[in-house]
């Protein structure tokens, strides 16, 4: 009988091999599952810590953006402050220069005051001489426009109301409300009815009444008021001479003056331009004011005007005056403008007019 051939890789051997491999795979799966559970238990805290660190990093990035924005804003503010500091330094320099100019002006004012005192003494002597030969004043009924006084009061003003064409300029700016800067600021914020009762302005209104009462019956006149602009007191009479013998026009002008409210700044240049519009030109000018101008032909962008600038504006304005016409000045001095008296006195002297600084109870 032939022997069967032996095969090493029989079916039984392969089954054993597959069973062993399956047992190994099953063991690996069981071991790997347990290790995954242990790994998750060990790394849970670490994952929580990583999440917390990620949140901190995100917050840090947000804070970094805010810090950069704050830095940019701070840099912009620093540049602005540097610019303002330069402006303050320049302003301090201007103040020092202005203070030096004020010292010089003070010395000049003192010298001028001494000259005025000497002139006052000579005027007092002339007053005594005139009183000795004074005549009885005209009665009130001889005047076109009545001006009630106390008894037989007489006024030594050297204001000559002669002339065929008399032009009266009245400063109607806010500074005419009071003698002091503080008083002006306080009164300009009041109601119009309260502004009209300001003592300084009431004195100006009374002065206009007095001037109207002194007009020669055969003369012609015109009254302009000015602040930033100039305009006739009686509307629709721009550039037109009015007849002083017309009592109705006189009374209308006086009534308009009593209702006029002072306001805004002072442009003497525009006021003197109005004189040039009169045809024919005046032969006698009366100017009622309290200070040097603060404006030229237009309103400046700066709100502050130095004394030197005001003198320059005054000199520019007087160039507009007609030649050889006397300018009579009635000045109501204001605090903080010491150069006004000297400038207006020189103008009156140069044009052969009169300079008058009334007392508180005149006229």
Protein backbone atom coordinates (compact mmCIF):
# COMPACT_ATOMS: atom_id res chain seq x y z
CA UNK A 1 0.00 0.00 0.00
CA UNK A 2 1.40 3.33 -1.04
CA UNK A 3 2.10 5.71 1.81
CA UNK A 4 0.30 9.05 1.89
CA UNK A 5 2.46 12.11 1.33
CA UNK A 6 2.99 14.27 4.38
CA UNK A 7 2.00 18.06 3.98
CA UNK A 8 3.28 20.38 6.72
CA UNK A 9 0.83 23.16 5.93
CA UNK A 10 -2.27 21.23 6.44
CA UNK A 11 -5.68 22.68 7.16
CA UNK A 12 -5.33 22.09 10.87
CA UNK A 13 -2.11 24.07 11.01
CA UNK A 14 -3.61 27.05 9.25
CA UNK A 15 -6.51 27.00 11.66
CA UNK A 16 -4.13 27.13 14.57
CA UNK A 17 -2.23 29.98 13.03
CA UNK A 18 -5.46 31.97 12.42
CA UNK A 19 -6.69 31.31 15.92
CA UNK A 20 -3.42 32.50 17.40
CA UNK A 21 -3.47 35.64 15.23
CA UNK A 22 -7.06 36.36 16.26
CA UNK A 23 -6.16 35.93 19.90
CA UNK A 24 -3.29 38.38 19.52
CA UNK A 25 -5.53 40.93 17.77
CA UNK A 26 -8.17 40.54 20.45
CA UNK A 27 -5.52 41.02 23.13
CA UNK A 28 -4.23 44.15 21.34
CA UNK A 29 -7.71 45.63 21.12
CA UNK A 30 -8.39 45.04 24.80
CA UNK A 31 -5.03 46.43 25.87
CA UNK A 32 -5.32 49.48 23.53
CA UNK A 33 -8.80 50.31 24.85
CA UNK A 34 -7.60 50.29 28.40
CA UNK A 35 -4.56 52.40 27.52
CA UNK A 36 -6.82 54.94 25.72
CA UNK A 37 -8.97 55.19 28.82
CA UNK A 38 -5.92 55.71 30.98
CA UNK A 39 -4.53 58.25 28.49
CA UNK A 40 -7.77 60.25 28.50
CA UNK A 41 -7.79 60.24 32.28
CA UNK A 42 -4.16 61.42 32.43
CA UNK A 43 -4.46 64.13 29.69
CA UNK A 44 -7.86 65.56 30.72
CA UNK A 45 -6.24 68.06 33.09
CA UNK A 46 -3.62 68.91 30.51
CA UNK A 47 -6.27 69.61 27.85
CA UNK A 48 -8.12 71.86 30.30
CA UNK A 49 -4.90 73.74 31.00
CA UNK A 50 -4.24 74.08 27.26
CA UNK A 51 -7.74 75.50 26.73
CA UNK A 52 -7.21 77.99 29.53
CA UNK A 53 -3.88 79.06 28.05
CA UNK A 54 -5.52 79.49 24.63
CA UNK A 55 -8.17 81.78 26.18
CA UNK A 56 -5.43 83.79 27.88
CA UNK A 57 -3.56 84.13 24.58
CA UNK A 58 -6.76 85.34 22.87
CA UNK A 59 -7.40 87.89 25.64
CA UNK A 60 -3.77 88.99 25.39
CA UNK A 61 -4.17 89.61 21.66
CA UNK A 62 -7.29 91.70 22.31
CA UNK A 63 -5.49 93.71 25.00
CA UNK A 64 -2.56 94.18 22.63
CA UNK A 65 -4.87 95.71 19.98
CA UNK A 66 -6.42 98.02 22.58
CA UNK A 67 -2.97 98.99 23.82
CA UNK A 68 -1.88 99.82 20.27
CA UNK A 69 -4.98 101.98 19.73
CA UNK A 70 -4.37 103.75 23.04
CA UNK A 71 -0.74 104.29 22.04
CA UNK A 72 -1.81 105.86 18.72
CA UNK A 73 -4.32 108.11 20.51
CA UNK A 74 -1.72 109.11 23.09
CA UNK A 75 0.74 109.92 20.32
CA UNK A 76 -1.84 112.11 18.58
CA UNK A 77 -2.60 113.92 21.86
CA UNK A 78 1.12 114.41 22.42
CA UNK A 79 1.48 116.06 19.02
CA UNK A 80 -1.52 118.30 19.76
CA UNK A 81 -0.11 119.27 23.16
CA UNK A 82 3.24 120.08 21.58
CA UNK A 83 1.49 122.38 19.10
CA UNK A 84 -0.44 124.08 21.89
CA UNK A 85 2.71 124.46 23.94
CA UNK A 86 4.34 126.26 21.04
CA UNK A 87 1.32 128.56 20.81
CA UNK A 88 1.52 129.29 24.53
CA UNK A 89 5.25 130.04 24.22
CA UNK A 90 4.57 132.41 21.33
CA UNK A 91 1.75 134.07 23.28
CA UNK A 92 4.04 134.54 26.29
CA UNK A 93 6.61 136.14 24.02
CA UNK A 94 3.95 138.49 22.61
CA UNK A 95 2.84 139.34 26.15
CA UNK A 96 6.41 140.22 27.10
CA UNK A 97 6.77 142.43 24.02
CA UNK A 98 3.39 144.06 24.73
CA UNK A 99 4.36 144.60 28.37
CA UNK A 100 7.52 146.35 27.23
CA UNK A 101 5.42 148.50 24.87
CA UNK A 102 3.00 149.27 27.71
CA UNK A 103 5.89 150.46 29.87
CA UNK A 104 6.99 152.77 27.07
CA UNK A 105 3.41 153.95 26.54
CA UNK A 106 3.03 154.60 30.27
CA UNK A 107 6.04 156.91 30.24
CA UNK A 108 4.65 158.73 27.21
CA UNK A 109 1.24 158.97 28.88
CA UNK A 110 2.77 160.47 32.00
CA UNK A 111 4.57 163.07 29.91
CA UNK A 112 1.36 163.84 28.04
CA UNK A 113 -0.55 164.08 31.33
CA UNK A 114 1.88 166.70 32.55
CA UNK A 115 1.34 168.66 29.35
CA UNK A 116 -2.43 168.38 29.76
CA UNK A 117 -2.18 169.65 33.33
CA UNK A 118 -0.30 172.68 32.08
CA UNK A 119 -2.94 173.21 29.37
CA UNK A 120 -5.66 172.84 32.01
CA UNK A 121 -4.15 175.59 34.12
CA UNK A 122 -4.05 177.89 31.10
CA UNK A 123 -7.68 177.00 30.30
CA UNK A 124 -8.73 177.76 33.87
CA UNK A 125 -7.13 181.15 33.58
CA UNK A 126 -8.95 181.69 30.27
CA UNK A 127 -12.18 180.55 31.91
CA UNK A 128 -11.87 183.11 34.66
CA UNK A 129 -11.22 185.78 32.04
CA UNK A 130 -14.26 184.75 29.99
CA UNK A 131 -16.52 184.58 33.03
CA UNK A 132 -15.66 188.16 33.81
CA UNK A 133 -16.98 189.31 30.40
CA UNK A 134 -19.68 186.68 29.79
CA UNK A 135 -23.00 187.76 28.35
CA UNK A 136 -26.45 186.54 29.29
CA UNK A 137 -27.26 183.31 27.35
CA UNK A 138 -30.07 183.14 24.85
CA UNK A 139 -33.41 182.06 26.17
CA UNK A 140 -34.64 178.52 25.51
CA UNK A 141 -37.32 179.75 23.11
CA UNK A 142 -34.68 180.91 20.59
CA UNK A 143 -33.58 177.33 19.93
CA UNK A 144 -35.09 175.01 17.34
CA UNK A 145 -34.79 171.89 19.50
CA UNK A 146 -35.40 172.48 23.24
CA UNK A 147 -32.93 171.17 25.80
CA UNK A 148 -34.18 171.46 29.40
CA UNK A 149 -31.50 172.38 31.93
CA UNK A 150 -31.28 173.32 35.57
CA UNK A 151 -31.65 177.06 35.83
CA UNK A 152 -29.42 179.18 33.60
CA UNK A 153 -26.61 176.64 33.18
CA UNK A 154 -23.84 177.60 30.75
CA UNK A 155 -21.34 175.21 29.18
CA UNK A 156 -17.74 176.14 28.42
CA UNK A 157 -16.88 173.48 25.86
CA UNK A 158 -15.23 175.42 22.97
CA UNK A 159 -17.52 173.41 20.67
CA UNK A 160 -18.37 175.72 17.79
CA UNK A 161 -21.67 174.74 16.15
CA UNK A 162 -21.04 177.01 13.19
CA UNK A 163 -20.96 175.85 9.61
CA UNK A 164 -23.37 175.27 6.76
CA UNK A 165 -23.14 171.46 6.86
CA UNK A 166 -22.65 169.80 10.24
CA UNK A 167 -21.94 166.07 10.40
CA UNK A 168 -22.37 164.23 13.74
CA UNK A 169 -20.86 160.76 14.28
CA UNK A 170 -22.00 158.73 17.30
CA UNK A 171 -20.16 155.62 18.50
CA UNK A 172 -22.92 153.02 19.12
CA UNK A 173 -20.67 150.06 19.95
CA UNK A 174 -21.03 147.91 23.08
CA UNK A 175 -18.21 149.77 24.85
CA UNK A 176 -20.51 152.82 25.16
CA UNK A 177 -22.50 150.96 27.82
CA UNK A 178 -20.01 151.46 30.66
CA UNK A 179 -16.65 152.98 31.64
CA UNK A 180 -15.11 149.70 32.81
CA UNK A 181 -14.42 146.49 30.91
CA UNK A 182 -16.22 144.40 33.52
CA UNK A 183 -19.23 146.70 33.38
CA UNK A 184 -19.31 146.50 29.56
CA UNK A 185 -19.27 142.70 29.61
CA UNK A 186 -22.02 142.63 32.23
CA UNK A 187 -24.28 145.18 30.52
CA UNK A 188 -23.97 143.83 26.96
CA UNK A 189 -25.68 140.61 28.11
CA UNK A 190 -28.67 142.48 29.55
CA UNK A 191 -31.98 143.12 27.83
CA UNK A 192 -32.25 146.08 25.44
CA UNK A 193 -34.46 148.01 27.85
CA UNK A 194 -31.74 147.73 30.51
CA UNK A 195 -29.02 148.70 28.03
CA UNK A 196 -30.90 151.90 27.20
CA UNK A 197 -30.80 152.86 30.89
CA UNK A 198 -26.99 152.57 31.16
CA UNK A 199 -25.70 155.86 32.68
CA UNK A 200 -22.89 156.29 30.14
CA UNK A 201 -25.24 155.78 27.19
CA UNK A 202 -27.84 158.08 28.71
CA UNK A 203 -25.17 160.80 28.86
CA UNK A 204 -24.40 160.27 25.15
CA UNK A 205 -28.11 160.56 24.27
CA UNK A 206 -28.38 163.78 26.27
CA UNK A 207 -25.30 165.12 24.48
CA UNK A 208 -27.00 164.57 21.10
CA UNK A 209 -30.07 166.41 22.41
CA UNK A 210 -27.83 169.30 23.44
CA UNK A 211 -26.02 169.38 20.08
CA UNK A 212 -29.34 169.41 18.20
CA UNK A 213 -30.49 172.33 20.34
CA UNK A 214 -27.36 174.28 19.31
CA UNK A 215 -27.73 173.84 15.51
CA UNK A 216 -27.95 177.12 13.59
CA UNK A 217 -31.44 177.43 12.00
CA UNK A 218 -30.00 178.02 8.52
CA UNK A 219 -27.57 175.08 8.55
CA UNK A 220 -27.88 171.51 7.34
CA UNK A 221 -26.99 168.45 9.37
CA UNK A 222 -26.69 164.68 9.29
CA UNK A 223 -26.27 162.14 12.14
CA UNK A 224 -24.63 158.78 11.59
CA UNK A 225 -24.16 156.04 14.16
CA UNK A 226 -21.42 153.43 13.82
CA UNK A 227 -20.22 150.19 15.35
CA UNK A 228 -18.94 147.58 12.90
CA UNK A 229 -20.75 149.51 10.15
CA UNK A 230 -21.96 153.09 9.73
CA UNK A 231 -25.56 154.10 8.97
CA UNK A 232 -27.73 157.22 9.21
CA UNK A 233 -29.74 157.69 12.40
CA UNK A 234 -32.79 158.60 10.31
CA UNK A 235 -33.47 155.82 7.84
CA UNK A 236 -33.57 156.46 4.09
CA UNK A 237 -31.40 159.60 4.42
CA UNK A 238 -28.05 158.03 3.49
CA UNK A 239 -25.80 160.63 1.87
CA UNK A 240 -28.50 163.33 2.19
CA UNK A 241 -28.20 166.58 4.15
CA UNK A 242 -31.15 167.42 6.41
CA UNK A 243 -32.49 170.92 7.01
CA UNK A 244 -31.85 172.10 10.58
CA UNK A 245 -34.87 174.39 10.29
CA UNK A 246 -37.13 171.34 9.90
CA UNK A 247 -38.28 170.86 13.50
CA UNK A 248 -40.00 167.57 12.68
CA UNK A 249 -36.74 166.08 11.36
CA UNK A 250 -34.89 167.29 14.45
CA UNK A 251 -37.41 165.70 16.77
CA UNK A 252 -37.41 162.48 14.71
CA UNK A 253 -33.61 162.26 14.96
CA UNK A 254 -33.77 162.83 18.72
CA UNK A 255 -36.47 160.15 19.09
CA UNK A 256 -34.42 157.62 17.09
CA UNK A 257 -31.42 158.36 19.26
CA UNK A 258 -33.40 157.60 22.41
CA UNK A 259 -34.30 154.14 21.03
CA UNK A 260 -30.86 153.18 19.70
CA UNK A 261 -29.19 150.21 21.50
CA UNK A 262 -25.35 150.03 21.54
CA UNK A 263 -23.84 146.73 20.35
CA UNK A 264 -20.89 145.02 18.56
CA UNK A 265 -17.37 146.39 17.93
CA UNK A 266 -15.99 149.72 16.68
CA UNK A 267 -14.88 150.47 13.10
CA UNK A 268 -13.85 154.11 12.79
CA UNK A 269 -12.72 153.45 9.22
CA UNK A 270 -16.28 152.68 8.08
CA UNK A 271 -17.53 155.73 9.99
CA UNK A 272 -15.13 158.07 8.20
CA UNK A 273 -15.95 156.41 4.86
CA UNK A 274 -19.55 157.52 5.41
CA UNK A 275 -18.36 161.14 5.63
CA UNK A 276 -16.81 160.78 2.16
CA UNK A 277 -20.22 159.78 0.78
CA UNK A 278 -21.72 163.16 1.66
CA UNK A 279 -22.00 165.51 -1.32
CA UNK A 280 -21.09 168.27 -0.80
CA UNK A 281 -18.71 167.39 2.08
CA UNK A 282 -19.29 168.72 5.62
CA UNK A 283 -17.55 171.80 6.91
CA UNK A 284 -17.82 170.81 10.61
CA UNK A 285 -17.63 167.33 12.16
CA UNK A 286 -18.58 166.19 15.67
CA UNK A 287 -17.38 162.77 16.83
CA UNK A 288 -18.72 161.15 20.03
CA UNK A 289 -16.70 158.11 21.08
CA UNK A 290 -14.96 156.49 24.04
CA UNK A 291 -11.99 154.54 22.69
CA UNK A 292 -9.79 153.74 19.73
CA UNK A 293 -11.26 151.44 17.05
CA UNK A 294 -11.10 147.64 17.36
CA UNK A 295 -11.96 146.89 13.70
CA UNK A 296 -10.93 148.00 10.24
CA UNK A 297 -13.14 147.74 7.19
CA UNK A 298 -14.02 144.12 8.05
CA UNK A 299 -14.20 141.92 11.13
CA UNK A 300 -10.84 140.19 11.90
CA UNK A 301 -10.50 136.50 12.75
CA UNK A 302 -8.80 137.35 16.06
CA UNK A 303 -10.89 138.42 19.03
CA UNK A 304 -8.10 140.24 20.84
CA UNK A 305 -6.77 143.62 19.63
CA UNK A 306 -3.61 145.11 21.14
CA UNK A 307 -3.11 148.82 21.85
CA UNK A 308 -0.59 149.08 19.04
CA UNK A 309 -3.09 147.55 16.60
CA UNK A 310 -5.81 149.98 17.73
CA UNK A 311 -3.51 152.96 17.15
CA UNK A 312 -2.71 151.61 13.68
CA UNK A 313 -6.44 151.24 12.90
CA UNK A 314 -7.00 154.81 14.10
CA UNK A 315 -4.26 156.15 11.82
CA UNK A 316 -5.70 154.24 8.86
CA UNK A 317 -9.15 155.65 9.59
CA UNK A 318 -8.15 159.34 9.76
CA UNK A 319 -6.71 159.04 6.25
CA UNK A 320 -10.34 158.90 5.08
CA UNK A 321 -11.24 162.29 6.57
CA UNK A 322 -11.80 165.19 4.18
CA UNK A 323 -9.05 167.80 4.22
CA UNK A 324 -9.32 171.10 6.07
CA UNK A 325 -12.47 170.15 8.00
CA UNK A 326 -12.41 170.65 11.80
CA UNK A 327 -13.13 167.51 13.82
CA UNK A 328 -14.59 168.21 17.27
CA UNK A 329 -14.15 165.32 19.71
CA UNK A 330 -16.39 164.54 22.69
CA UNK A 331 -14.64 161.68 24.47
CA UNK A 332 -16.13 159.44 27.16
CA UNK A 333 -12.98 157.67 28.45
CA UNK A 334 -13.04 153.90 28.84
CA UNK A 335 -10.90 151.79 31.14
CA UNK A 336 -8.04 149.96 29.45
CA UNK A 337 -7.49 152.39 26.54
CA UNK A 338 -5.09 155.09 27.80
CA UNK A 339 -3.93 156.07 24.30
CA UNK A 340 -7.38 157.17 23.15
CA UNK A 341 -7.25 160.61 24.80
CA UNK A 342 -3.87 161.43 23.27
CA UNK A 343 -4.86 160.21 19.78
CA UNK A 344 -8.17 162.11 19.67
CA UNK A 345 -6.62 165.25 21.17
CA UNK A 346 -3.97 165.23 18.44
CA UNK A 347 -6.66 164.74 15.78
CA UNK A 348 -8.68 167.70 17.10
CA UNK A 349 -5.55 169.86 17.29
CA UNK A 350 -4.42 168.88 13.78
CA UNK A 351 -7.81 169.69 12.22
CA UNK A 352 -8.28 172.86 14.33
CA UNK A 353 -11.27 171.35 16.10
CA UNK A 354 -12.12 171.06 19.80
CA UNK A 355 -11.40 168.25 22.23
CA UNK A 356 -13.85 167.86 25.11
CA UNK A 357 -14.00 165.21 27.83
CA UNK A 358 -17.28 165.85 29.73
CA UNK A 359 -17.88 165.30 33.41
CA UNK A 360 -20.43 162.77 34.63
CA UNK A 361 -23.28 165.31 34.95
CA UNK A 362 -22.77 167.06 31.57
CA UNK A 363 -24.85 168.23 29.80
